[in-house]
Amino acid sequence: MSSIIVRGSGSISAAPDMIRLELDMQSRSTDCGEAMEKAEDSLAEIRGILESCGFEKDALRTSGFDVRTEYESLPDEKGNYRSVFRGYCCAHQMNVEFPLDTVLLAEVLRRISASKAAPQLSVQFTVKDTESAKEELIRITAADARKKAELLCQASGVTLGRLIRISYDRAEKNMISQTRYGIGNDCLCFPAKAVSIEPADVKLSDSAEFEWEII
């Protein structure tokens, strides 16, 4: 049996319609229980701020949480370094997503930056319907492969037969816009007019290998 192997490729662009705000909060103490209590107090404060901005109670989601010991390397009187226990760190990574609204974003950032919790903030722009975008990309990739195979067969004087095999590694796609949104924490504490921006499109590309029988 003769066959033809073709690699199809495709790419799409999608306009961001969602904001993902990521928060990295760290609480420290020489007492583990106290570090945990500080983390819980900070979490309650952040949730209260979001609710005051119109978010649902469960809008804030946890993406990572860990409690670890921290040490510092210090020299003794002979110049030899040793590890000295400094305390416990309770690290909590969270995120909240909401429709693209730069005015609301500016207000949320201002209130959170002025809070006692003062987490590290990161802003990303993404799309809500990620599955539809990924599915459309697969259809484009498959259509590209078939078109190439048909052209090759026509040019070679043969007929494209049944599909024998598809080789596709569906790695997770990054649905994040390359637009960066950054404001220094010292600037966030002051009221300011939100700047209306249009984030760059999310760009995705993909490929797959197809094998057809040729007649």
N, C-alpha and C. Protein backbone atom coordinates (compact mmCIF):
# COMPACT_ATOMS: atom_id res chain seq x y z
N MET A 1 0.84 -1.20 0.00
CA MET A 1 0.00 0.00 0.00
C MET A 1 0.88 1.25 0.00
N SER A 2 0.60 2.18 -0.89
CA SER A 2 1.32 3.45 -0.92
C SER A 2 0.56 4.49 -0.10
N SER A 3 1.29 5.40 0.48
CA SER A 3 0.65 6.42 1.30
C SER A 3 1.39 7.75 1.18
N ILE A 4 0.73 8.79 1.64
CA ILE A 4 1.33 10.11 1.67
C ILE A 4 1.18 10.67 3.08
N ILE A 5 2.26 11.25 3.60
CA ILE A 5 2.26 11.83 4.95
C ILE A 5 2.41 13.35 4.82
N VAL A 6 1.50 14.07 5.42
CA VAL A 6 1.49 15.53 5.33
C VAL A 6 1.34 16.13 6.73
N ARG A 7 2.08 17.20 6.99
CA ARG A 7 1.93 17.93 8.25
C ARG A 7 1.10 19.17 8.00
N GLY A 8 -0.04 19.23 8.68
CA GLY A 8 -0.88 20.41 8.57
C GLY A 8 -0.55 21.41 9.67
N SER A 9 -0.73 22.65 9.38
CA SER A 9 -0.46 23.70 10.37
C SER A 9 -1.57 24.73 10.32
N GLY A 10 -1.75 25.44 11.41
CA GLY A 10 -2.79 26.46 11.46
C GLY A 10 -2.48 27.50 12.52
N SER A 11 -3.11 28.64 12.42
CA SER A 11 -2.95 29.70 13.41
C SER A 11 -4.23 30.53 13.45
N ILE A 12 -4.53 31.07 14.62
CA ILE A 12 -5.70 31.93 14.79
C ILE A 12 -5.35 33.06 15.75
N SER A 13 -6.17 34.11 15.71
CA SER A 13 -6.05 35.22 16.65
C SER A 13 -7.41 35.43 17.31
N ALA A 14 -7.39 35.71 18.60
CA ALA A 14 -8.63 35.95 19.33
C ALA A 14 -8.47 37.20 20.19
N ALA A 15 -9.44 38.09 20.12
CA ALA A 15 -9.39 39.32 20.90
C ALA A 15 -9.68 39.01 22.38
N PRO A 16 -8.84 39.44 23.29
CA PRO A 16 -9.09 39.19 24.72
C PRO A 16 -10.39 39.83 25.17
N ASP A 17 -11.13 39.10 25.99
CA ASP A 17 -12.36 39.65 26.55
C ASP A 17 -12.44 39.43 28.06
N MET A 18 -11.34 38.96 28.65
CA MET A 18 -11.30 38.70 30.09
C MET A 18 -9.99 39.23 30.68
N ILE A 19 -10.07 39.61 31.95
CA ILE A 19 -8.88 40.00 32.73
C ILE A 19 -8.66 38.94 33.79
N ARG A 20 -7.42 38.52 33.94
CA ARG A 20 -7.05 37.61 35.02
C ARG A 20 -6.07 38.34 35.94
N LEU A 21 -6.50 38.59 37.16
CA LEU A 21 -5.65 39.25 38.15
C LEU A 21 -5.08 38.18 39.08
N GLU A 22 -3.76 38.10 39.13
CA GLU A 22 -3.09 37.12 39.98
C GLU A 22 -2.50 37.82 41.20
N LEU A 23 -2.69 37.20 42.35
CA LEU A 23 -2.21 37.77 43.61
C LEU A 23 -1.30 36.76 44.30
N ASP A 24 -0.13 37.22 44.71
CA ASP A 24 0.82 36.39 45.44
C ASP A 24 1.01 37.01 46.81
N MET A 25 0.49 36.34 47.83
CA MET A 25 0.48 36.89 49.19
C MET A 25 1.34 36.02 50.10
N GLN A 26 2.21 36.63 50.88
CA GLN A 26 3.10 35.90 51.78
C GLN A 26 3.01 36.48 53.18
N SER A 27 2.80 35.58 54.15
CA SER A 27 2.72 35.98 55.56
C SER A 27 3.82 35.27 56.33
N ARG A 28 4.52 36.01 57.20
CA ARG A 28 5.67 35.44 57.90
C ARG A 28 5.56 35.64 59.41
N SER A 29 6.12 34.68 60.13
CA SER A 29 6.20 34.76 61.59
C SER A 29 7.13 33.66 62.09
N THR A 30 7.68 33.85 63.27
CA THR A 30 8.51 32.80 63.87
C THR A 30 7.64 31.68 64.44
N ASP A 31 6.34 31.93 64.52
CA ASP A 31 5.39 30.93 64.99
C ASP A 31 4.52 30.49 63.81
N CYS A 32 4.46 29.20 63.54
CA CYS A 32 3.73 28.69 62.38
C CYS A 32 2.24 29.04 62.45
N GLY A 33 1.65 28.87 63.62
CA GLY A 33 0.24 29.18 63.77
C GLY A 33 -0.06 30.65 63.50
N GLU A 34 0.84 31.52 63.97
CA GLU A 34 0.65 32.95 63.75
C GLU A 34 0.76 33.30 62.28
N ALA A 35 1.69 32.64 61.56
CA ALA A 35 1.82 32.88 60.12
C ALA A 35 0.54 32.49 59.39
N MET A 36 -0.07 31.38 59.81
CA MET A 36 -1.32 30.93 59.20
C MET A 36 -2.46 31.90 59.50
N GLU A 37 -2.49 32.41 60.74
CA GLU A 37 -3.54 33.36 61.10
C GLU A 37 -3.41 34.66 60.29
N LYS A 38 -2.17 35.12 60.09
CA LYS A 38 -1.95 36.32 59.28
C LYS A 38 -2.44 36.10 57.85
N ALA A 39 -2.17 34.90 57.33
CA ALA A 39 -2.61 34.58 55.97
C ALA A 39 -4.13 34.59 55.88
N GLU A 40 -4.79 34.05 56.89
CA GLU A 40 -6.26 34.02 56.89
C GLU A 40 -6.83 35.43 56.99
N ASP A 41 -6.21 36.28 57.81
CA ASP A 41 -6.68 37.67 57.93
C ASP A 41 -6.51 38.42 56.61
N SER A 42 -5.38 38.19 55.94
CA SER A 42 -5.12 38.86 54.66
C SER A 42 -6.11 38.39 53.60
N LEU A 43 -6.40 37.10 53.62
CA LEU A 43 -7.35 36.54 52.66
C LEU A 43 -8.73 37.16 52.86
N ALA A 44 -9.15 37.28 54.11
CA ALA A 44 -10.45 37.87 54.42
C ALA A 44 -10.50 39.33 53.95
N GLU A 45 -9.39 40.05 54.10
CA GLU A 45 -9.35 41.44 53.68
C GLU A 45 -9.48 41.56 52.16
N ILE A 46 -8.76 40.71 51.43
CA ILE A 46 -8.81 40.74 49.97
C ILE A 46 -10.22 40.39 49.48
N ARG A 47 -10.82 39.37 50.08
CA ARG A 47 -12.18 38.99 49.69
C ARG A 47 -13.16 40.13 49.95
N GLY A 48 -12.99 40.83 51.07
CA GLY A 48 -13.86 41.95 51.38
C GLY A 48 -13.73 43.07 50.36
N ILE A 49 -12.51 43.32 49.92
CA ILE A 49 -12.28 44.36 48.91
C ILE A 49 -12.96 43.99 47.60
N LEU A 50 -12.82 42.74 47.18
CA LEU A 50 -13.43 42.30 45.93
C LEU A 50 -14.95 42.38 46.00
N GLU A 51 -15.51 41.96 47.13
CA GLU A 51 -16.97 42.04 47.28
C GLU A 51 -17.44 43.49 47.23
N SER A 52 -16.67 44.41 47.80
CA SER A 52 -17.05 45.83 47.77
C SER A 52 -16.97 46.39 46.36
N CYS A 53 -16.22 45.71 45.48
CA CYS A 53 -16.11 46.14 44.08
C CYS A 53 -17.14 45.44 43.19
N GLY A 54 -18.00 44.62 43.81
CA GLY A 54 -19.08 43.99 43.06
C GLY A 54 -18.85 42.55 42.67
N PHE A 55 -17.76 41.93 43.16
CA PHE A 55 -17.49 40.53 42.83
C PHE A 55 -18.30 39.59 43.71
N GLU A 56 -18.56 38.39 43.18
CA GLU A 56 -19.22 37.36 43.98
C GLU A 56 -18.28 36.90 45.10
N LYS A 57 -18.85 36.32 46.15
CA LYS A 57 -18.08 35.92 47.32
C LYS A 57 -17.02 34.89 46.98
N ASP A 58 -17.32 34.00 46.00
CA ASP A 58 -16.39 32.93 45.66
C ASP A 58 -15.56 33.24 44.41
N ALA A 59 -15.46 34.52 44.04
CA ALA A 59 -14.74 34.89 42.81
C ALA A 59 -13.24 34.63 42.91
N LEU A 60 -12.69 34.76 44.12
CA LEU A 60 -11.25 34.58 44.32
C LEU A 60 -10.93 33.09 44.45
N ARG A 61 -10.06 32.60 43.59
CA ARG A 61 -9.71 31.18 43.58
C ARG A 61 -8.23 30.98 43.94
N THR A 62 -7.95 29.89 44.63
CA THR A 62 -6.58 29.56 45.01
C THR A 62 -5.92 28.72 43.92
N SER A 63 -4.73 29.14 43.50
CA SER A 63 -3.96 28.38 42.51
C SER A 63 -2.74 27.70 43.14
N GLY A 64 -2.38 28.13 44.35
CA GLY A 64 -1.24 27.51 45.03
C GLY A 64 -1.20 27.93 46.49
N PHE A 65 -0.79 27.00 47.37
CA PHE A 65 -0.70 27.30 48.79
C PHE A 65 0.36 26.41 49.42
N ASP A 66 1.27 27.01 50.19
CA ASP A 66 2.25 26.19 50.90
C ASP A 66 2.79 26.95 52.10
N VAL A 67 3.20 26.18 53.10
CA VAL A 67 3.84 26.73 54.30
C VAL A 67 5.24 26.15 54.37
N ARG A 68 6.23 27.01 54.49
CA ARG A 68 7.62 26.54 54.49
C ARG A 68 8.44 27.25 55.56
N THR A 69 9.52 26.61 55.94
CA THR A 69 10.47 27.23 56.86
C THR A 69 11.48 28.04 56.06
N GLU A 70 11.97 29.12 56.65
CA GLU A 70 12.95 29.96 55.99
C GLU A 70 14.20 30.08 56.85
N TYR A 71 15.35 29.96 56.20
CA TYR A 71 16.63 30.06 56.88
C TYR A 71 17.49 31.11 56.19
N GLU A 72 18.44 31.65 56.95
CA GLU A 72 19.39 32.61 56.41
C GLU A 72 20.79 32.13 56.71
N SER A 73 21.67 32.22 55.73
CA SER A 73 23.05 31.79 55.90
C SER A 73 23.87 32.95 56.46
N LEU A 74 24.40 32.77 57.69
CA LEU A 74 25.15 33.84 58.36
C LEU A 74 26.51 33.32 58.81
N PRO A 75 27.53 34.19 58.81
CA PRO A 75 28.86 33.76 59.27
C PRO A 75 28.96 33.83 60.80
N ASP A 76 29.72 32.89 61.39
CA ASP A 76 29.98 32.95 62.82
C ASP A 76 31.27 33.74 63.06
N GLU A 77 31.76 33.72 64.30
CA GLU A 77 32.95 34.51 64.63
C GLU A 77 34.20 34.04 63.90
N LYS A 78 34.19 32.82 63.38
CA LYS A 78 35.33 32.29 62.63
C LYS A 78 35.15 32.44 61.11
N GLY A 79 34.06 33.04 60.71
CA GLY A 79 33.83 33.23 59.28
C GLY A 79 33.17 32.05 58.61
N ASN A 80 32.77 31.05 59.37
CA ASN A 80 32.09 29.89 58.81
C ASN A 80 30.58 30.16 58.76
N TYR A 81 29.99 29.84 57.63
CA TYR A 81 28.57 30.11 57.45
C TYR A 81 27.71 28.97 57.98
N ARG A 82 26.62 29.33 58.60
CA ARG A 82 25.67 28.34 59.10
C ARG A 82 24.25 28.84 58.85
N SER A 83 23.32 27.92 58.78
CA SER A 83 21.92 28.26 58.53
C SER A 83 21.23 28.64 59.83
N VAL A 84 20.60 29.79 59.83
CA VAL A 84 19.89 30.28 61.02
C VAL A 84 18.40 30.36 60.71
N PHE A 85 17.60 29.74 61.53
CA PHE A 85 16.16 29.73 61.34
C PHE A 85 15.60 31.14 61.48
N ARG A 86 14.80 31.56 60.48
CA ARG A 86 14.22 32.89 60.50
C ARG A 86 12.71 32.87 60.75
N GLY A 87 12.08 31.77 60.46
CA GLY A 87 10.65 31.70 60.70
C GLY A 87 9.91 30.90 59.65
N TYR A 88 8.60 31.06 59.66
CA TYR A 88 7.73 30.34 58.73
C TYR A 88 7.14 31.33 57.73
N CYS A 89 6.96 30.85 56.51
CA CYS A 89 6.34 31.66 55.46
C CYS A 89 5.12 30.91 54.93
N CYS A 90 3.98 31.58 54.99
CA CYS A 90 2.75 31.02 54.43
C CYS A 90 2.50 31.73 53.11
N ALA A 91 2.69 31.01 52.00
CA ALA A 91 2.56 31.60 50.66
C ALA A 91 1.24 31.16 50.03
N HIS A 92 0.50 32.13 49.54
CA HIS A 92 -0.83 31.87 48.98
C HIS A 92 -0.94 32.55 47.63
N GLN A 93 -1.09 31.76 46.55
CA GLN A 93 -1.27 32.31 45.21
C GLN A 93 -2.75 32.19 44.83
N MET A 94 -3.31 33.30 44.39
CA MET A 94 -4.73 33.34 44.06
C MET A 94 -4.95 34.06 42.73
N ASN A 95 -6.13 33.93 42.19
CA ASN A 95 -6.48 34.67 40.98
C ASN A 95 -7.98 34.93 40.93
N VAL A 96 -8.32 35.97 40.22
CA VAL A 96 -9.73 36.30 39.99
C VAL A 96 -9.86 36.74 38.54
N GLU A 97 -10.90 36.27 37.87
CA GLU A 97 -11.14 36.63 36.47
C GLU A 97 -12.44 37.40 36.35
N PHE A 98 -12.45 38.37 35.44
CA PHE A 98 -13.67 39.15 35.20
C PHE A 98 -13.61 39.74 33.80
N PRO A 99 -14.77 40.11 33.24
CA PRO A 99 -14.82 40.65 31.88
C PRO A 99 -13.93 41.89 31.74
N LEU A 100 -13.41 42.07 30.54
CA LEU A 100 -12.49 43.17 30.26
C LEU A 100 -13.12 44.52 30.61
N ASP A 101 -12.57 45.15 31.65
CA ASP A 101 -13.06 46.44 32.13
C ASP A 101 -11.89 47.13 32.81
N THR A 102 -11.20 48.02 32.12
CA THR A 102 -10.01 48.65 32.67
C THR A 102 -10.33 49.62 33.79
N VAL A 103 -11.53 50.18 33.81
CA VAL A 103 -11.93 51.06 34.91
C VAL A 103 -12.05 50.26 36.20
N LEU A 104 -12.73 49.13 36.13
CA LEU A 104 -12.85 48.25 37.30
C LEU A 104 -11.48 47.73 37.72
N LEU A 105 -10.66 47.37 36.75
CA LEU A 105 -9.32 46.87 37.05
C LEU A 105 -8.52 47.89 37.85
N ALA A 106 -8.54 49.14 37.41
CA ALA A 106 -7.79 50.19 38.10
C ALA A 106 -8.26 50.37 39.54
N GLU A 107 -9.59 50.29 39.75
CA GLU A 107 -10.13 50.45 41.09
C GLU A 107 -9.75 49.28 41.99
N VAL A 108 -9.82 48.06 41.45
CA VAL A 108 -9.45 46.88 42.23
C VAL A 108 -7.96 46.94 42.61
N LEU A 109 -7.12 47.31 41.66
CA LEU A 109 -5.69 47.40 41.93
C LEU A 109 -5.41 48.46 42.99
N ARG A 110 -6.08 49.59 42.91
CA ARG A 110 -5.86 50.66 43.87
C ARG A 110 -6.23 50.22 45.29
N ARG A 111 -7.38 49.57 45.42
CA ARG A 111 -7.83 49.17 46.76
C ARG A 111 -6.96 48.06 47.34
N ILE A 112 -6.60 47.09 46.52
CA ILE A 112 -5.78 45.98 47.04
C ILE A 112 -4.39 46.47 47.42
N SER A 113 -3.80 47.35 46.62
CA SER A 113 -2.44 47.84 46.91
C SER A 113 -2.40 48.66 48.19
N ALA A 114 -3.55 49.27 48.57
CA ALA A 114 -3.62 50.07 49.79
C ALA A 114 -3.97 49.23 51.02
N SER A 115 -4.20 47.94 50.83
CA SER A 115 -4.59 47.07 51.93
C SER A 115 -3.39 46.64 52.77
N LYS A 116 -3.66 46.13 53.96
CA LYS A 116 -2.59 45.60 54.81
C LYS A 116 -1.98 44.35 54.20
N ALA A 117 -2.79 43.60 53.46
CA ALA A 117 -2.28 42.36 52.85
C ALA A 117 -1.19 42.66 51.83
N ALA A 118 -1.39 43.71 51.02
CA ALA A 118 -0.41 44.18 50.03
C ALA A 118 0.25 43.03 49.24
N PRO A 119 -0.53 42.22 48.55
CA PRO A 119 0.07 41.12 47.77
C PRO A 119 0.76 41.64 46.51
N GLN A 120 1.64 40.81 45.95
CA GLN A 120 2.21 41.11 44.65
C GLN A 120 1.12 40.88 43.60
N LEU A 121 0.98 41.81 42.67
CA LEU A 121 -0.10 41.75 41.70
C LEU A 121 0.43 41.58 40.29
N SER A 122 -0.30 40.78 39.51
CA SER A 122 0.07 40.56 38.11
C SER A 122 -1.21 40.53 37.29
N VAL A 123 -1.22 41.25 36.16
CA VAL A 123 -2.41 41.35 35.32
C VAL A 123 -2.17 40.67 33.98
N GLN A 124 -3.12 39.83 33.58
CA GLN A 124 -3.06 39.17 32.28
C GLN A 124 -4.39 39.34 31.56
N PHE A 125 -4.33 39.31 30.24
CA PHE A 125 -5.54 39.41 29.42
C PHE A 125 -5.72 38.09 28.67
N THR A 126 -6.92 37.54 28.72
CA THR A 126 -7.17 36.24 28.11
C THR A 126 -8.56 36.23 27.46
N VAL A 127 -8.99 35.05 27.02
CA VAL A 127 -10.32 34.91 26.41
C VAL A 127 -11.16 33.95 27.25
N LYS A 128 -12.45 34.19 27.28
CA LYS A 128 -13.33 33.37 28.09
C LYS A 128 -13.57 32.00 27.48
N ASP A 129 -13.90 31.98 26.19
CA ASP A 129 -14.24 30.71 25.52
C ASP A 129 -12.98 30.09 24.92
N THR A 130 -12.12 29.54 25.77
CA THR A 130 -10.85 28.99 25.29
C THR A 130 -11.05 27.72 24.48
N GLU A 131 -12.04 26.91 24.85
CA GLU A 131 -12.24 25.64 24.15
C GLU A 131 -12.65 25.84 22.70
N SER A 132 -13.52 26.81 22.45
CA SER A 132 -13.94 27.07 21.07
C SER A 132 -12.76 27.50 20.21
N ALA A 133 -11.88 28.32 20.78
CA ALA A 133 -10.70 28.77 20.04
C ALA A 133 -9.78 27.60 19.72
N LYS A 134 -9.59 26.70 20.67
CA LYS A 134 -8.73 25.54 20.46
C LYS A 134 -9.34 24.59 19.42
N GLU A 135 -10.66 24.41 19.49
CA GLU A 135 -11.32 23.53 18.53
C GLU A 135 -11.24 24.08 17.11
N GLU A 136 -11.42 25.40 16.97
CA GLU A 136 -11.31 26.03 15.66
C GLU A 136 -9.89 25.87 15.10
N LEU A 137 -8.90 25.95 15.96
CA LEU A 137 -7.52 25.78 15.54
C LEU A 137 -7.28 24.37 15.00
N ILE A 138 -7.87 23.37 15.63
CA ILE A 138 -7.73 21.99 15.16
C ILE A 138 -8.37 21.84 13.79
N ARG A 139 -9.57 22.43 13.61
CA ARG A 139 -10.24 22.33 12.30
C ARG A 139 -9.39 22.98 11.20
N ILE A 140 -8.80 24.11 11.49
CA ILE A 140 -7.96 24.80 10.51
C ILE A 140 -6.73 23.95 10.18
N THR A 141 -6.15 23.34 11.19
CA THR A 141 -4.96 22.51 10.99
C THR A 141 -5.28 21.29 10.13
N ALA A 142 -6.40 20.64 10.41
CA ALA A 142 -6.80 19.46 9.63
C ALA A 142 -7.11 19.84 8.18
N ALA A 143 -7.80 20.97 7.98
CA ALA A 143 -8.13 21.42 6.63
C ALA A 143 -6.87 21.75 5.84
N ASP A 144 -5.89 22.33 6.50
CA ASP A 144 -4.63 22.67 5.84
C ASP A 144 -3.90 21.40 5.38
N ALA A 145 -3.91 20.37 6.22
CA ALA A 145 -3.25 19.12 5.87
C ALA A 145 -3.93 18.46 4.66
N ARG A 146 -5.24 18.43 4.67
CA ARG A 146 -5.96 17.79 3.56
C ARG A 146 -5.74 18.56 2.25
N LYS A 147 -5.75 19.88 2.32
CA LYS A 147 -5.54 20.68 1.12
C LYS A 147 -4.16 20.39 0.53
N LYS A 148 -3.16 20.32 1.39
CA LYS A 148 -1.80 20.02 0.92
C LYS A 148 -1.74 18.63 0.29
N ALA A 149 -2.40 17.67 0.94
CA ALA A 149 -2.38 16.29 0.44
C ALA A 149 -3.06 16.20 -0.93
N GLU A 150 -4.19 16.88 -1.09
CA GLU A 150 -4.91 16.85 -2.37
C GLU A 150 -4.09 17.51 -3.48
N LEU A 151 -3.42 18.61 -3.18
CA LEU A 151 -2.57 19.28 -4.17
C LEU A 151 -1.40 18.39 -4.59
N LEU A 152 -0.81 17.73 -3.63
CA LEU A 152 0.31 16.84 -3.92
C LEU A 152 -0.14 15.66 -4.79
N CYS A 153 -1.31 15.14 -4.49
CA CYS A 153 -1.82 14.01 -5.28
C CYS A 153 -2.16 14.45 -6.70
N GLN A 154 -2.78 15.62 -6.83
CA GLN A 154 -3.10 16.13 -8.17
C GLN A 154 -1.83 16.34 -8.98
N ALA A 155 -0.82 16.91 -8.35
CA ALA A 155 0.44 17.17 -9.05
C ALA A 155 1.16 15.88 -9.41
N SER A 156 0.90 14.81 -8.67
CA SER A 156 1.59 13.54 -8.89
C SER A 156 0.76 12.56 -9.72
N GLY A 157 -0.47 12.92 -10.08
CA GLY A 157 -1.31 12.05 -10.88
C GLY A 157 -1.87 10.86 -10.13
N VAL A 158 -2.05 11.00 -8.83
CA VAL A 158 -2.63 9.91 -8.04
C VAL A 158 -3.87 10.43 -7.33
N THR A 159 -4.62 9.52 -6.70
CA THR A 159 -5.86 9.89 -6.01
C THR A 159 -5.70 9.71 -4.51
N LEU A 160 -6.19 10.68 -3.77
CA LEU A 160 -6.12 10.59 -2.31
C LEU A 160 -7.17 9.60 -1.82
N GLY A 161 -6.73 8.64 -1.02
CA GLY A 161 -7.62 7.61 -0.52
C GLY A 161 -8.06 7.86 0.92
N ARG A 162 -8.26 6.77 1.64
CA ARG A 162 -8.76 6.87 3.01
C ARG A 162 -7.67 7.36 3.96
N LEU A 163 -8.10 7.99 5.02
CA LEU A 163 -7.18 8.45 6.05
C LEU A 163 -6.74 7.27 6.90
N ILE A 164 -5.43 7.11 7.05
CA ILE A 164 -4.88 5.96 7.77
C ILE A 164 -4.52 6.30 9.21
N ARG A 165 -3.89 7.47 9.40
CA ARG A 165 -3.34 7.78 10.72
C ARG A 165 -3.30 9.29 10.94
N ILE A 166 -3.51 9.67 12.20
CA ILE A 166 -3.32 11.06 12.64
C ILE A 166 -2.38 11.05 13.84
N SER A 167 -1.34 11.86 13.78
CA SER A 167 -0.42 11.99 14.90
C SER A 167 -0.50 13.42 15.41
N TYR A 168 -0.98 13.56 16.64
CA TYR A 168 -1.21 14.90 17.18
C TYR A 168 -0.92 14.93 18.66
N ASP A 169 -0.06 15.82 19.06
CA ASP A 169 0.26 16.01 20.48
C ASP A 169 -0.37 17.31 20.93
N ARG A 170 -1.50 17.21 21.61
CA ARG A 170 -2.24 18.42 22.00
C ARG A 170 -1.68 18.97 23.30
N ALA A 171 -0.59 19.70 23.18
CA ALA A 171 -0.01 20.35 24.34
C ALA A 171 -0.91 21.51 24.77
N GLU A 172 -0.87 21.85 26.04
CA GLU A 172 -1.70 22.92 26.55
C GLU A 172 -1.33 24.25 25.89
N LYS A 173 -2.32 24.96 25.41
CA LYS A 173 -2.10 26.22 24.71
C LYS A 173 -2.15 27.40 25.68
N ASN A 174 -1.23 28.33 25.49
CA ASN A 174 -1.19 29.53 26.31
C ASN A 174 -2.17 30.56 25.75
N MET A 175 -3.27 30.77 26.46
CA MET A 175 -4.32 31.67 25.98
C MET A 175 -4.18 33.05 26.61
N ILE A 176 -2.95 33.54 26.70
CA ILE A 176 -2.68 34.82 27.32
C ILE A 176 -2.15 35.81 26.28
N SER A 177 -2.69 37.03 26.29
CA SER A 177 -2.20 38.09 25.41
C SER A 177 -0.80 38.51 25.83
N GLN A 178 0.00 38.93 24.86
CA GLN A 178 1.35 39.39 25.15
C GLN A 178 1.39 40.81 25.71
N THR A 179 0.23 41.46 25.78
CA THR A 179 0.18 42.82 26.34
C THR A 179 0.55 42.80 27.81
N ARG A 180 1.47 43.67 28.20
CA ARG A 180 1.87 43.80 29.60
C ARG A 180 1.15 44.99 30.23
N TYR A 181 0.70 44.79 31.47
CA TYR A 181 -0.01 45.85 32.19
C TYR A 181 0.68 45.98 33.55
N GLY A 182 1.41 47.05 33.72
CA GLY A 182 2.15 47.21 34.97
C GLY A 182 2.03 48.62 35.51
N ILE A 183 1.78 48.71 36.82
CA ILE A 183 1.76 49.99 37.52
C ILE A 183 2.48 49.78 38.85
N GLY A 184 3.42 50.68 39.17
CA GLY A 184 4.14 50.55 40.43
C GLY A 184 3.22 50.66 41.62
N ASN A 185 3.49 49.88 42.67
CA ASN A 185 2.64 49.89 43.86
C ASN A 185 2.52 51.28 44.48
N ASP A 186 3.58 52.09 44.38
CA ASP A 186 3.53 53.42 44.96
C ASP A 186 2.60 54.34 44.16
N CYS A 187 2.33 53.97 42.91
CA CYS A 187 1.40 54.77 42.08
C CYS A 187 -0.04 54.31 42.25
N LEU A 188 -0.23 53.04 42.62
CA LEU A 188 -1.57 52.49 42.71
C LEU A 188 -2.36 53.06 43.89
N CYS A 189 -1.66 53.55 44.89
CA CYS A 189 -2.34 54.00 46.11
C CYS A 189 -3.11 55.30 45.91
N PHE A 190 -2.88 56.00 44.79
CA PHE A 190 -3.52 57.29 44.57
C PHE A 190 -4.61 57.17 43.51
N PRO A 191 -5.73 57.85 43.71
CA PRO A 191 -6.79 57.82 42.70
C PRO A 191 -6.27 58.37 41.38
N ALA A 192 -6.62 57.70 40.29
CA ALA A 192 -6.18 58.15 38.97
C ALA A 192 -7.17 57.65 37.93
N LYS A 193 -7.27 58.38 36.84
CA LYS A 193 -8.18 57.99 35.77
C LYS A 193 -7.63 56.75 35.07
N ALA A 194 -8.48 55.76 34.88
CA ALA A 194 -8.04 54.53 34.21
C ALA A 194 -7.80 54.80 32.73
N VAL A 195 -6.74 54.26 32.21
CA VAL A 195 -6.42 54.41 30.80
C VAL A 195 -7.09 53.28 30.02
N SER A 196 -7.85 53.64 29.00
CA SER A 196 -8.53 52.63 28.19
C SER A 196 -7.54 52.03 27.21
N ILE A 197 -7.30 50.75 27.31
CA ILE A 197 -6.34 50.08 26.43
C ILE A 197 -7.02 48.95 25.68
N GLU A 198 -6.44 48.58 24.55
CA GLU A 198 -6.91 47.45 23.76
C GLU A 198 -5.80 46.41 23.74
N PRO A 199 -5.92 45.35 24.54
CA PRO A 199 -4.85 44.34 24.59
C PRO A 199 -4.65 43.67 23.24
N ALA A 200 -3.43 43.29 22.96
CA ALA A 200 -3.12 42.58 21.72
C ALA A 200 -3.85 41.24 21.67
N ASP A 201 -4.19 40.81 20.46
CA ASP A 201 -4.88 39.53 20.30
C ASP A 201 -4.06 38.37 20.85
N VAL A 202 -4.77 37.38 21.34
CA VAL A 202 -4.14 36.12 21.72
C VAL A 202 -3.87 35.35 20.44
N LYS A 203 -2.64 34.93 20.23
CA LYS A 203 -2.27 34.22 18.99
C LYS A 203 -1.90 32.77 19.32
N LEU A 204 -2.51 31.87 18.56
CA LEU A 204 -2.27 30.44 18.75
C LEU A 204 -1.86 29.79 17.44
N SER A 205 -0.99 28.82 17.52
CA SER A 205 -0.62 28.04 16.35
C SER A 205 -0.56 26.57 16.74
N ASP A 206 -0.71 25.70 15.73
CA ASP A 206 -0.74 24.26 16.02
C ASP A 206 -0.33 23.49 14.77
N SER A 207 -0.03 22.22 14.93
CA SER A 207 0.30 21.36 13.80
C SER A 207 -0.02 19.91 14.14
N ALA A 208 -0.21 19.11 13.10
CA ALA A 208 -0.50 17.68 13.27
C ALA A 208 -0.08 16.95 12.00
N GLU A 209 0.23 15.69 12.15
CA GLU A 209 0.67 14.88 11.01
C GLU A 209 -0.44 13.91 10.60
N PHE A 210 -0.74 13.88 9.29
CA PHE A 210 -1.79 13.02 8.75
C PHE A 210 -1.20 12.09 7.68
N GLU A 211 -1.69 10.88 7.66
CA GLU A 211 -1.25 9.92 6.62
C GLU A 211 -2.48 9.38 5.90
N TRP A 212 -2.47 9.52 4.57
CA TRP A 212 -3.54 8.99 3.72
C TRP A 212 -3.01 7.90 2.78
N GLU A 213 -3.89 7.01 2.47
CA GLU A 213 -3.59 6.04 1.42
C GLU A 213 -3.69 6.76 0.07
N ILE A 214 -2.81 6.42 -0.86
CA ILE A 214 -2.92 6.98 -2.22
C ILE A 214 -3.18 5.84 -3.20
N ILE A 215 -4.03 6.15 -4.19
CA ILE A 215 -4.48 5.13 -5.15
C ILE A 215 -3.96 5.49 -6.53
